[in-house]
Amino acid sequence: MRLRGIDYLVGTPKGHLTHVEKQLLEQPWTQARESVRVKILPQESEFYVYVESQDRVVKERSMRRRRLKRLWASLHELRKRKSITRDDLLMHIGALKKEAGRDYRLVSISLPKPKEPVNEDTFHFSLDRERLRRTLRREGRYLLRSNMQAASPETVLESYLLLTRIEQAFKDLKGSLSIRPIWHQLENRIEAHIFVSFLAFCLHTTLRNLARRRAAGLTSDAILEKLSAIHMIDIHLPTTDGRRVVMSRYTQPEKDVALLLAQLGLELPEQPPPKVYASG
């Protein structure tokens, strides 16, 4: 690809770290951002970039601890149950495996053989400490592969972060903003549909950037879900002369929604004035 003048930057499965981990240990760290540092491992026609993000370390470690804690407590609860059959036990273990995800592999579980009763001798478990240590060493770290030899580590990292933001944009358009499927058949309606979806994405991004500065930890979807509790209603009041007074009103936000609005620096508009409609 280099001969064709094409640069590439791709993520590499974490399992590939096993092949290059010893070589990476010999490489020095380079600070790429305030909380991000990288290691460069040159190869024949490309190079690896090993990235460590402190924010990602904290996030992944917290999530793993919660999953492991739930898994460990559930396993103890299963072992305390009386008169549980092996088939029921396997069903519960399957559900726990799905819930724990990859962290399920951090626990070694011994299950009873067919026709064996379920007790402490046939059903026991322990923490795989060696695998846990290996997992902790790789928390918040990922491996990139590129042929951009002339680029600095900071440039490579920024290019990858830009790529992830572009991928997230497509996910937002196809997911929460529902740009697809498009059922229109006329070209101008298709273009209008995409245009409105793009405007929605711009507002979605603006809300995310606003939250990043003022309400860190909240996503655009979480904010919209909170604000969806505010409803707009029309109140119709008949008069004695046969006319109708229509008042459009939004419901007053709950305390948590009002706190969110204040945190984001947003204010609800004034309630619109009432309108009077003649009979008929």
C-alpha atoms as a PDB file:
ATOM      1  CA  MET A   1       0.000   0.000   0.000  1.00  0.00           C
ATOM      2  CA  ARG A   2       2.948   2.320   0.585  1.00  0.00           C
ATOM      3  CA  LEU A   3       4.022   1.785  -3.040  1.00  0.00           C
ATOM      4  CA  ARG A   4       0.553   2.877  -4.144  1.00  0.00           C
ATOM      5  CA  GLY A   5       0.815   6.053  -2.073  1.00  0.00           C
ATOM      6  CA  ILE A   6      -1.834   4.924   0.425  1.00  0.00           C
ATOM      7  CA  ASP A   7      -1.438   5.520   4.153  1.00  0.00           C
ATOM      8  CA  TYR A   8      -3.334   3.343   6.615  1.00  0.00           C
ATOM      9  CA  LEU A   9      -3.986   3.383  10.335  1.00  0.00           C
ATOM     10  CA  VAL A  10      -5.916   0.471  11.797  1.00  0.00           C
ATOM     11  CA  GLY A  11      -6.711  -0.946  15.200  1.00  0.00           C
ATOM     12  CA  THR A  12      -5.188  -4.299  16.121  1.00  0.00           C
ATOM     13  CA  PRO A  13      -6.875  -7.009  18.213  1.00  0.00           C
ATOM     14  CA  LYS A  14      -5.655  -7.069  21.809  1.00  0.00           C
ATOM     15  CA  GLY A  15      -4.708 -10.701  21.357  1.00  0.00           C
ATOM     16  CA  HIS A  16      -1.929  -9.575  19.028  1.00  0.00           C
ATOM     17  CA  LEU A  17      -0.254  -7.885  21.999  1.00  0.00           C
ATOM     18  CA  THR A  18       1.032 -11.287  23.066  1.00  0.00           C
ATOM     19  CA  HIS A  19       3.325 -11.417  20.007  1.00  0.00           C
ATOM     20  CA  VAL A  20       4.868  -7.962  20.488  1.00  0.00           C
ATOM     21  CA  GLU A  21       4.565  -7.404  24.259  1.00  0.00           C
ATOM     22  CA  LYS A  22       8.191  -8.278  25.024  1.00  0.00           C
ATOM     23  CA  GLN A  23       9.457  -5.943  22.302  1.00  0.00           C
ATOM     24  CA  LEU A  24       7.198  -3.135  23.532  1.00  0.00           C
ATOM     25  CA  LEU A  25       8.633  -3.414  27.055  1.00  0.00           C
ATOM     26  CA  GLU A  26      11.996  -2.269  25.694  1.00  0.00           C
ATOM     27  CA  GLN A  27      10.548   0.869  24.060  1.00  0.00           C
ATOM     28  CA  PRO A  28      10.330   4.215  25.926  1.00  0.00           C
ATOM     29  CA  TRP A  29       7.057   6.037  26.529  1.00  0.00           C
ATOM     30  CA  THR A  30       6.314   9.277  24.646  1.00  0.00           C
ATOM     31  CA  GLN A  31       3.762  11.746  25.992  1.00  0.00           C
ATOM     32  CA  ALA A  32       1.191  12.370  23.250  1.00  0.00           C
ATOM     33  CA  ARG A  33      -1.431  14.163  25.350  1.00  0.00           C
ATOM     34  CA  GLU A  34      -1.952  15.249  28.937  1.00  0.00           C
ATOM     35  CA  SER A  35      -3.217  11.822  30.016  1.00  0.00           C
ATOM     36  CA  VAL A  36      -2.132   9.749  27.006  1.00  0.00           C
ATOM     37  CA  ARG A  37       1.264   8.254  26.292  1.00  0.00           C
ATOM     38  CA  VAL A  38       2.433   5.991  23.483  1.00  0.00           C
ATOM     39  CA  LYS A  39       5.178   3.542  22.557  1.00  0.00           C
ATOM     40  CA  ILE A  40       6.433   3.140  18.990  1.00  0.00           C
ATOM     41  CA  LEU A  41       7.612  -0.242  17.742  1.00  0.00           C
ATOM     42  CA  PRO A  42       9.157   0.009  14.235  1.00  0.00           C
ATOM     43  CA  GLN A  43       8.794  -2.917  11.832  1.00  0.00           C
ATOM     44  CA  GLU A  44      10.107  -3.556   8.323  1.00  0.00           C
ATOM     45  CA  SER A  45       7.512  -1.548   6.364  1.00  0.00           C
ATOM     46  CA  GLU A  46       5.200  -0.338   9.127  1.00  0.00           C
ATOM     47  CA  PHE A  47       5.131   0.288  12.849  1.00  0.00           C
ATOM     48  CA  TYR A  48       2.988  -0.377  15.898  1.00  0.00           C
ATOM     49  CA  VAL A  49       1.675   2.319  18.217  1.00  0.00           C
ATOM     50  CA  TYR A  50       0.901   1.151  21.748  1.00  0.00           C
ATOM     51  CA  VAL A  51      -1.429   3.682  23.395  1.00  0.00           C
ATOM     52  CA  GLU A  52      -2.140   4.072  27.108  1.00  0.00           C
ATOM     53  CA  SER A  53      -4.950   6.395  28.213  1.00  0.00           C
ATOM     54  CA  GLN A  54      -5.253   7.070  31.945  1.00  0.00           C
ATOM     55  CA  ASP A  55      -8.902   8.085  31.593  1.00  0.00           C
ATOM     56  CA  ARG A  56      -9.612   4.838  29.780  1.00  0.00           C
ATOM     57  CA  VAL A  57      -7.728   2.853  32.445  1.00  0.00           C
ATOM     58  CA  VAL A  58      -9.944   4.294  35.184  1.00  0.00           C
ATOM     59  CA  LYS A  59     -13.125   3.697  33.166  1.00  0.00           C
ATOM     60  CA  GLU A  60     -12.342   0.108  32.159  1.00  0.00           C
ATOM     61  CA  ARG A  61     -11.121  -0.817  35.640  1.00  0.00           C
ATOM     62  CA  SER A  62     -14.288   0.520  37.255  1.00  0.00           C
ATOM     63  CA  MET A  63     -16.519  -1.378  34.809  1.00  0.00           C
ATOM     64  CA  ARG A  64     -14.547  -4.591  35.282  1.00  0.00           C
ATOM     65  CA  ARG A  65     -14.743  -4.374  39.063  1.00  0.00           C
ATOM     66  CA  ARG A  66     -18.525  -3.995  38.959  1.00  0.00           C
ATOM     67  CA  ARG A  67     -18.952  -6.956  36.584  1.00  0.00           C
ATOM     68  CA  LEU A  68     -16.618  -9.180  38.599  1.00  0.00           C
ATOM     69  CA  LYS A  69     -18.319  -8.237  41.854  1.00  0.00           C
ATOM     70  CA  ARG A  70     -21.741  -9.150  40.454  1.00  0.00           C
ATOM     71  CA  LEU A  71     -20.416 -12.405  38.983  1.00  0.00           C
ATOM     72  CA  TRP A  72     -18.687 -13.430  42.223  1.00  0.00           C
ATOM     73  CA  ALA A  73     -21.758 -12.663  44.360  1.00  0.00           C
ATOM     74  CA  SER A  74     -24.043 -14.564  41.959  1.00  0.00           C
ATOM     75  CA  LEU A  75     -21.784 -17.631  42.018  1.00  0.00           C
ATOM     76  CA  HIS A  76     -21.803 -17.664  45.830  1.00  0.00           C
ATOM     77  CA  GLU A  77     -25.585 -17.364  45.790  1.00  0.00           C
ATOM     78  CA  LEU A  78     -25.872 -20.324  43.401  1.00  0.00           C
ATOM     79  CA  ARG A  79     -23.657 -22.480  45.598  1.00  0.00           C
ATOM     80  CA  LYS A  80     -25.816 -21.717  48.656  1.00  0.00           C
ATOM     81  CA  ARG A  81     -29.006 -22.816  46.939  1.00  0.00           C
ATOM     82  CA  LYS A  82     -30.384 -26.133  48.047  1.00  0.00           C
ATOM     83  CA  SER A  83     -31.849 -28.771  45.755  1.00  0.00           C
ATOM     84  CA  ILE A  84     -30.700 -27.052  42.582  1.00  0.00           C
ATOM     85  CA  THR A  85     -30.224 -29.445  39.676  1.00  0.00           C
ATOM     86  CA  ARG A  86     -27.233 -29.533  37.349  1.00  0.00           C
ATOM     87  CA  ASP A  87     -29.386 -28.406  34.388  1.00  0.00           C
ATOM     88  CA  ASP A  88     -30.675 -25.395  36.316  1.00  0.00           C
ATOM     89  CA  LEU A  89     -27.137 -24.590  37.371  1.00  0.00           C
ATOM     90  CA  LEU A  90     -25.905 -24.657  33.758  1.00  0.00           C
ATOM     91  CA  MET A  91     -28.721 -22.327  32.711  1.00  0.00           C
ATOM     92  CA  HIS A  92     -27.806 -19.837  35.449  1.00  0.00           C
ATOM     93  CA  ILE A  93     -24.101 -20.081  34.548  1.00  0.00           C
ATOM     94  CA  GLY A  94     -24.947 -19.351  30.895  1.00  0.00           C
ATOM     95  CA  ALA A  95     -26.850 -16.218  31.914  1.00  0.00           C
ATOM     96  CA  LEU A  96     -23.970 -15.073  34.144  1.00  0.00           C
ATOM     97  CA  LYS A  97     -21.505 -15.672  31.304  1.00  0.00           C
ATOM     98  CA  LYS A  98     -23.515 -13.452  28.989  1.00  0.00           C
ATOM     99  CA  GLU A  99     -23.801 -10.718  31.606  1.00  0.00           C
ATOM    100  CA  ALA A 100     -20.108 -10.753  32.566  1.00  0.00           C
ATOM    101  CA  GLY A 101     -18.825 -10.798  28.980  1.00  0.00           C
ATOM    102  CA  ARG A 102     -15.060 -11.152  28.678  1.00  0.00           C
ATOM    103  CA  ASP A 103     -14.620 -10.874  32.428  1.00  0.00           C
ATOM    104  CA  TYR A 104     -16.182 -14.329  32.770  1.00  0.00           C
ATOM    105  CA  ARG A 105     -12.823 -15.780  31.686  1.00  0.00           C
ATOM    106  CA  LEU A 106     -11.194 -14.309  34.801  1.00  0.00           C
ATOM    107  CA  VAL A 107     -12.956 -16.905  36.959  1.00  0.00           C
ATOM    108  CA  SER A 108     -12.190 -20.617  36.786  1.00  0.00           C
ATOM    109  CA  ILE A 109     -15.380 -22.607  37.387  1.00  0.00           C
ATOM    110  CA  SER A 110     -15.586 -26.340  38.031  1.00  0.00           C
ATOM    111  CA  LEU A 111     -19.029 -27.775  37.243  1.00  0.00           C
ATOM    112  CA  PRO A 112     -20.502 -31.114  38.335  1.00  0.00           C
ATOM    113  CA  LYS A 113     -20.424 -33.950  35.859  1.00  0.00           C
ATOM    114  CA  PRO A 114     -23.650 -35.433  34.468  1.00  0.00           C
ATOM    115  CA  LYS A 115     -25.779 -37.108  37.159  1.00  0.00           C
ATOM    116  CA  GLU A 116     -23.612 -35.660  39.929  1.00  0.00           C
ATOM    117  CA  PRO A 117     -25.316 -33.613  42.660  1.00  0.00           C
ATOM    118  CA  VAL A 118     -24.607 -29.915  43.009  1.00  0.00           C
ATOM    119  CA  ASN A 119     -22.629 -29.262  46.185  1.00  0.00           C
ATOM    120  CA  GLU A 120     -19.388 -27.612  47.325  1.00  0.00           C
ATOM    121  CA  ASP A 121     -17.358 -30.608  46.189  1.00  0.00           C
ATOM    122  CA  THR A 122     -18.688 -30.703  42.616  1.00  0.00           C
ATOM    123  CA  PHE A 123     -19.296 -26.990  42.080  1.00  0.00           C
ATOM    124  CA  HIS A 124     -16.521 -24.609  43.046  1.00  0.00           C
ATOM    125  CA  PHE A 125     -14.780 -21.598  41.516  1.00  0.00           C
ATOM    126  CA  SER A 126     -11.687 -19.455  41.952  1.00  0.00           C
ATOM    127  CA  LEU A 127     -10.156 -16.303  40.543  1.00  0.00           C
ATOM    128  CA  ASP A 128      -7.633 -16.803  37.747  1.00  0.00           C
ATOM    129  CA  ARG A 129      -5.039 -14.436  39.204  1.00  0.00           C
ATOM    130  CA  GLU A 130      -2.515 -14.814  36.379  1.00  0.00           C
ATOM    131  CA  ARG A 131      -5.104 -13.914  33.733  1.00  0.00           C
ATOM    132  CA  LEU A 132      -6.357 -11.067  35.941  1.00  0.00           C
ATOM    133  CA  ARG A 133      -2.839  -9.621  36.240  1.00  0.00           C
ATOM    134  CA  ARG A 134      -2.441  -9.850  32.463  1.00  0.00           C
ATOM    135  CA  THR A 135      -5.790  -8.143  31.973  1.00  0.00           C
ATOM    136  CA  LEU A 136      -4.921  -5.350  34.421  1.00  0.00           C
ATOM    137  CA  ARG A 137      -1.694  -4.671  32.519  1.00  0.00           C
ATOM    138  CA  ARG A 138      -3.719  -4.095  29.335  1.00  0.00           C
ATOM    139  CA  GLU A 139      -6.522  -1.988  30.776  1.00  0.00           C
ATOM    140  CA  GLY A 140      -6.940   1.301  28.964  1.00  0.00           C
ATOM    141  CA  ARG A 141      -4.355   0.278  26.372  1.00  0.00           C
ATOM    142  CA  TYR A 142      -4.751  -0.560  22.707  1.00  0.00           C
ATOM    143  CA  LEU A 143      -2.492  -1.330  19.768  1.00  0.00           C
ATOM    144  CA  LEU A 144      -2.512   0.475  16.417  1.00  0.00           C
ATOM    145  CA  ARG A 145      -0.728  -0.456  13.203  1.00  0.00           C
ATOM    146  CA  SER A 146       0.276   2.050  10.532  1.00  0.00           C
ATOM    147  CA  ASN A 147       2.676   2.750   7.674  1.00  0.00           C
ATOM    148  CA  MET A 148       2.782   6.539   8.279  1.00  0.00           C
ATOM    149  CA  GLN A 149       6.522   6.445   8.965  1.00  0.00           C
ATOM    150  CA  ALA A 150       7.068  10.196   8.670  1.00  0.00           C
ATOM    151  CA  ALA A 151       4.269  11.089  11.072  1.00  0.00           C
ATOM    152  CA  SER A 152       4.891  11.878  14.728  1.00  0.00           C
ATOM    153  CA  PRO A 153       3.205   9.816  17.475  1.00  0.00           C
ATOM    154  CA  GLU A 154       0.934  12.776  18.252  1.00  0.00           C
ATOM    155  CA  THR A 155      -0.187  12.982  14.603  1.00  0.00           C
ATOM    156  CA  VAL A 156      -0.882   9.242  14.453  1.00  0.00           C
ATOM    157  CA  LEU A 157      -2.923   9.381  17.658  1.00  0.00           C
ATOM    158  CA  GLU A 158      -4.949  12.394  16.515  1.00  0.00           C
ATOM    159  CA  SER A 159      -5.658  10.645  13.192  1.00  0.00           C
ATOM    160  CA  TYR A 160      -6.975   7.597  15.037  1.00  0.00           C
ATOM    161  CA  LEU A 161      -9.142   9.687  17.367  1.00  0.00           C
ATOM    162  CA  LEU A 162     -10.550  11.485  14.330  1.00  0.00           C
ATOM    163  CA  LEU A 163     -11.354   8.105  12.785  1.00  0.00           C
ATOM    164  CA  THR A 164     -13.241   6.986  15.904  1.00  0.00           C
ATOM    165  CA  ARG A 165     -15.239  10.244  15.912  1.00  0.00           C
ATOM    166  CA  ILE A 166     -16.214   9.698  12.270  1.00  0.00           C
ATOM    167  CA  GLU A 167     -17.315   6.129  13.032  1.00  0.00           C
ATOM    168  CA  GLN A 168     -19.343   7.403  15.990  1.00  0.00           C
ATOM    169  CA  ALA A 169     -20.990   9.999  13.735  1.00  0.00           C
ATOM    170  CA  PHE A 170     -22.208   7.264  11.388  1.00  0.00           C
ATOM    171  CA  LYS A 171     -23.485   5.266  14.377  1.00  0.00           C
ATOM    172  CA  ASP A 172     -25.413   8.307  15.629  1.00  0.00           C
ATOM    173  CA  LEU A 173     -26.945   8.929  12.204  1.00  0.00           C
ATOM    174  CA  LYS A 174     -28.017   5.326  11.726  1.00  0.00           C
ATOM    175  CA  GLY A 175     -28.899   4.717  15.367  1.00  0.00           C
ATOM    176  CA  SER A 176     -30.416   7.394  17.583  1.00  0.00           C
ATOM    177  CA  LEU A 177     -31.143   9.795  14.692  1.00  0.00           C
ATOM    178  CA  SER A 178     -32.644   7.032  12.480  1.00  0.00           C
ATOM    179  CA  ILE A 179     -31.454   8.278   9.095  1.00  0.00           C
ATOM    180  CA  ARG A 180     -32.147   4.775   7.780  1.00  0.00           C
ATOM    181  CA  PRO A 181     -34.207   3.236   6.340  1.00  0.00           C
ATOM    182  CA  ILE A 182     -35.302   5.833   3.773  1.00  0.00           C
ATOM    183  CA  TRP A 183     -38.712   5.063   2.325  1.00  0.00           C
ATOM    184  CA  HIS A 184     -38.867   8.041  -0.061  1.00  0.00           C
ATOM    185  CA  GLN A 185     -38.686   7.491  -3.801  1.00  0.00           C
ATOM    186  CA  LEU A 186     -38.439  11.050  -5.145  1.00  0.00           C
ATOM    187  CA  GLU A 187     -34.914  12.468  -5.213  1.00  0.00           C
ATOM    188  CA  ASN A 188     -35.833  15.811  -3.628  1.00  0.00           C
ATOM    189  CA  ARG A 189     -37.553  14.037  -0.714  1.00  0.00           C
ATOM    190  CA  ILE A 190     -34.530  11.798  -0.169  1.00  0.00           C
ATOM    191  CA  GLU A 191     -32.269  14.857  -0.104  1.00  0.00           C
ATOM    192  CA  ALA A 192     -34.643  16.612   2.309  1.00  0.00           C
ATOM    193  CA  HIS A 193     -34.639  13.558   4.593  1.00  0.00           C
ATOM    194  CA  ILE A 194     -30.822  13.478   4.662  1.00  0.00           C
ATOM    195  CA  PHE A 195     -30.638  17.251   5.162  1.00  0.00           C
ATOM    196  CA  VAL A 196     -32.972  17.174   8.165  1.00  0.00           C
ATOM    197  CA  SER A 197     -31.018  14.217   9.591  1.00  0.00           C
ATOM    198  CA  PHE A 198     -27.783  16.175   9.143  1.00  0.00           C
ATOM    199  CA  LEU A 199     -29.257  19.173  10.973  1.00  0.00           C
ATOM    200  CA  ALA A 200     -30.307  16.833  13.775  1.00  0.00           C
ATOM    201  CA  PHE A 201     -26.769  15.439  13.895  1.00  0.00           C
ATOM    202  CA  CYS A 202     -25.348  18.981  14.164  1.00  0.00           C
ATOM    203  CA  LEU A 203     -27.630  19.664  17.135  1.00  0.00           C
ATOM    204  CA  HIS A 204     -26.714  16.258  18.580  1.00  0.00           C
ATOM    205  CA  THR A 205     -22.992  17.112  18.320  1.00  0.00           C
ATOM    206  CA  THR A 206     -23.529  20.599  19.752  1.00  0.00           C
ATOM    207  CA  LEU A 207     -25.312  19.093  22.750  1.00  0.00           C
ATOM    208  CA  ARG A 208     -22.488  16.572  23.250  1.00  0.00           C
ATOM    209  CA  ASN A 209     -19.832  19.324  23.159  1.00  0.00           C
ATOM    210  CA  LEU A 210     -21.881  21.410  25.581  1.00  0.00           C
ATOM    211  CA  ALA A 211     -22.136  18.464  27.962  1.00  0.00           C
ATOM    212  CA  ARG A 212     -18.405  17.805  27.674  1.00  0.00           C
ATOM    213  CA  ARG A 213     -17.664  21.281  29.073  1.00  0.00           C
ATOM    214  CA  ARG A 214     -20.424  21.603  31.649  1.00  0.00           C
ATOM    215  CA  ALA A 215     -21.776  18.132  32.473  1.00  0.00           C
ATOM    216  CA  ALA A 216     -18.950  15.674  31.918  1.00  0.00           C
ATOM    217  CA  GLY A 217     -20.035  12.042  31.889  1.00  0.00           C
ATOM    218  CA  LEU A 218     -23.430  12.685  30.294  1.00  0.00           C
ATOM    219  CA  THR A 219     -24.037  11.641  26.699  1.00  0.00           C
ATOM    220  CA  SER A 220     -26.333  13.388  24.226  1.00  0.00           C
ATOM    221  CA  ASP A 221     -28.769  10.466  24.365  1.00  0.00           C
ATOM    222  CA  ALA A 222     -28.879  10.579  28.173  1.00  0.00           C
ATOM    223  CA  ILE A 223     -29.589  14.325  28.136  1.00  0.00           C
ATOM    224  CA  LEU A 224     -32.339  13.974  25.518  1.00  0.00           C
ATOM    225  CA  GLU A 225     -33.902  11.162  27.526  1.00  0.00           C
ATOM    226  CA  LYS A 226     -33.991  13.408  30.596  1.00  0.00           C
ATOM    227  CA  LEU A 227     -35.419  16.362  28.676  1.00  0.00           C
ATOM    228  CA  SER A 228     -38.103  14.156  27.110  1.00  0.00           C
ATOM    229  CA  ALA A 229     -39.931  14.373  30.443  1.00  0.00           C
ATOM    230  CA  ILE A 230     -40.918  17.939  29.477  1.00  0.00           C
ATOM    231  CA  HIS A 231     -44.150  17.798  27.452  1.00  0.00           C
ATOM    232  CA  MET A 232     -45.957  20.411  25.367  1.00  0.00           C
ATOM    233  CA  ILE A 233     -49.728  20.431  25.755  1.00  0.00           C
ATOM    234  CA  ASP A 234     -52.638  22.521  24.408  1.00  0.00           C
ATOM    235  CA  ILE A 235     -55.313  23.562  26.891  1.00  0.00           C
ATOM    236  CA  HIS A 236     -58.718  24.370  25.291  1.00  0.00           C
ATOM    237  CA  LEU A 237     -61.070  26.593  27.328  1.00  0.00           C
ATOM    238  CA  PRO A 238     -64.566  27.316  25.899  1.00  0.00           C
ATOM    239  CA  THR A 239     -66.008  30.814  26.446  1.00  0.00           C
ATOM    240  CA  THR A 240     -69.615  31.898  27.014  1.00  0.00           C
ATOM    241  CA  ASP A 241     -69.812  33.573  23.583  1.00  0.00           C
ATOM    242  CA  GLY A 242     -68.958  30.357  21.709  1.00  0.00           C
ATOM    243  CA  ARG A 243     -65.266  30.985  21.157  1.00  0.00           C
ATOM    244  CA  ARG A 244     -62.270  28.953  22.406  1.00  0.00           C
ATOM    245  CA  VAL A 245     -59.162  30.034  24.271  1.00  0.00           C
ATOM    246  CA  VAL A 246     -56.199  27.800  23.440  1.00  0.00           C
ATOM    247  CA  MET A 247     -53.130  27.952  25.653  1.00  0.00           C
ATOM    248  CA  SER A 248     -49.995  26.043  24.632  1.00  0.00           C
ATOM    249  CA  ARG A 249     -48.045  25.154  27.747  1.00  0.00           C
ATOM    250  CA  TYR A 250     -45.026  23.024  28.542  1.00  0.00           C
ATOM    251  CA  THR A 251     -44.946  21.077  31.776  1.00  0.00           C
ATOM    252  CA  GLN A 252     -42.720  22.354  34.537  1.00  0.00           C
ATOM    253  CA  PRO A 253     -39.489  20.296  34.740  1.00  0.00           C
ATOM    254  CA  GLU A 254     -38.833  18.065  37.729  1.00  0.00           C
ATOM    255  CA  LYS A 255     -36.004  18.952  40.107  1.00  0.00           C
ATOM    256  CA  ASP A 256     -33.434  16.694  38.410  1.00  0.00           C
ATOM    257  CA  VAL A 257     -34.342  18.039  34.948  1.00  0.00           C
ATOM    258  CA  ALA A 258     -34.207  21.648  36.211  1.00  0.00           C
ATOM    259  CA  LEU A 259     -30.783  20.925  37.706  1.00  0.00           C
ATOM    260  CA  LEU A 260     -29.600  19.508  34.366  1.00  0.00           C
ATOM    261  CA  LEU A 261     -30.841  22.597  32.505  1.00  0.00           C
ATOM    262  CA  ALA A 262     -29.012  24.849  34.964  1.00  0.00           C
ATOM    263  CA  GLN A 263     -25.823  22.779  34.623  1.00  0.00           C
ATOM    264  CA  LEU A 264     -25.958  23.102  30.831  1.00  0.00           C
ATOM    265  CA  GLY A 265     -26.746  26.800  31.011  1.00  0.00           C
ATOM    266  CA  LEU A 266     -30.069  26.348  29.182  1.00  0.00           C
ATOM    267  CA  GLU A 267     -33.304  28.211  29.870  1.00  0.00           C
ATOM    268  CA  LEU A 268     -36.790  27.272  28.769  1.00  0.00           C
ATOM    269  CA  PRO A 269     -38.551  29.974  26.693  1.00  0.00           C
ATOM    270  CA  GLU A 270     -41.434  32.000  28.029  1.00  0.00           C
ATOM    271  CA  GLN A 271     -44.799  30.310  27.946  1.00  0.00           C
ATOM    272  CA  PRO A 272     -46.543  31.402  24.702  1.00  0.00           C
ATOM    273  CA  PRO A 273     -49.525  33.767  24.990  1.00  0.00           C
ATOM    274  CA  PRO A 274     -53.055  32.315  24.682  1.00  0.00           C
ATOM    275  CA  LYS A 275     -54.886  32.366  21.357  1.00  0.00           C
ATOM    276  CA  VAL A 276     -58.600  32.990  20.844  1.00  0.00           C
ATOM    277  CA  TYR A 277     -60.420  31.104  18.076  1.00  0.00           C
ATOM    278  CA  ALA A 278     -63.887  31.982  16.770  1.00  0.00           C
ATOM    279  CA  SER A 279     -66.557  29.291  16.594  1.00  0.00           C
ATOM    280  CA  GLY A 280     -66.254  27.165  13.449  1.00  0.00           C
END
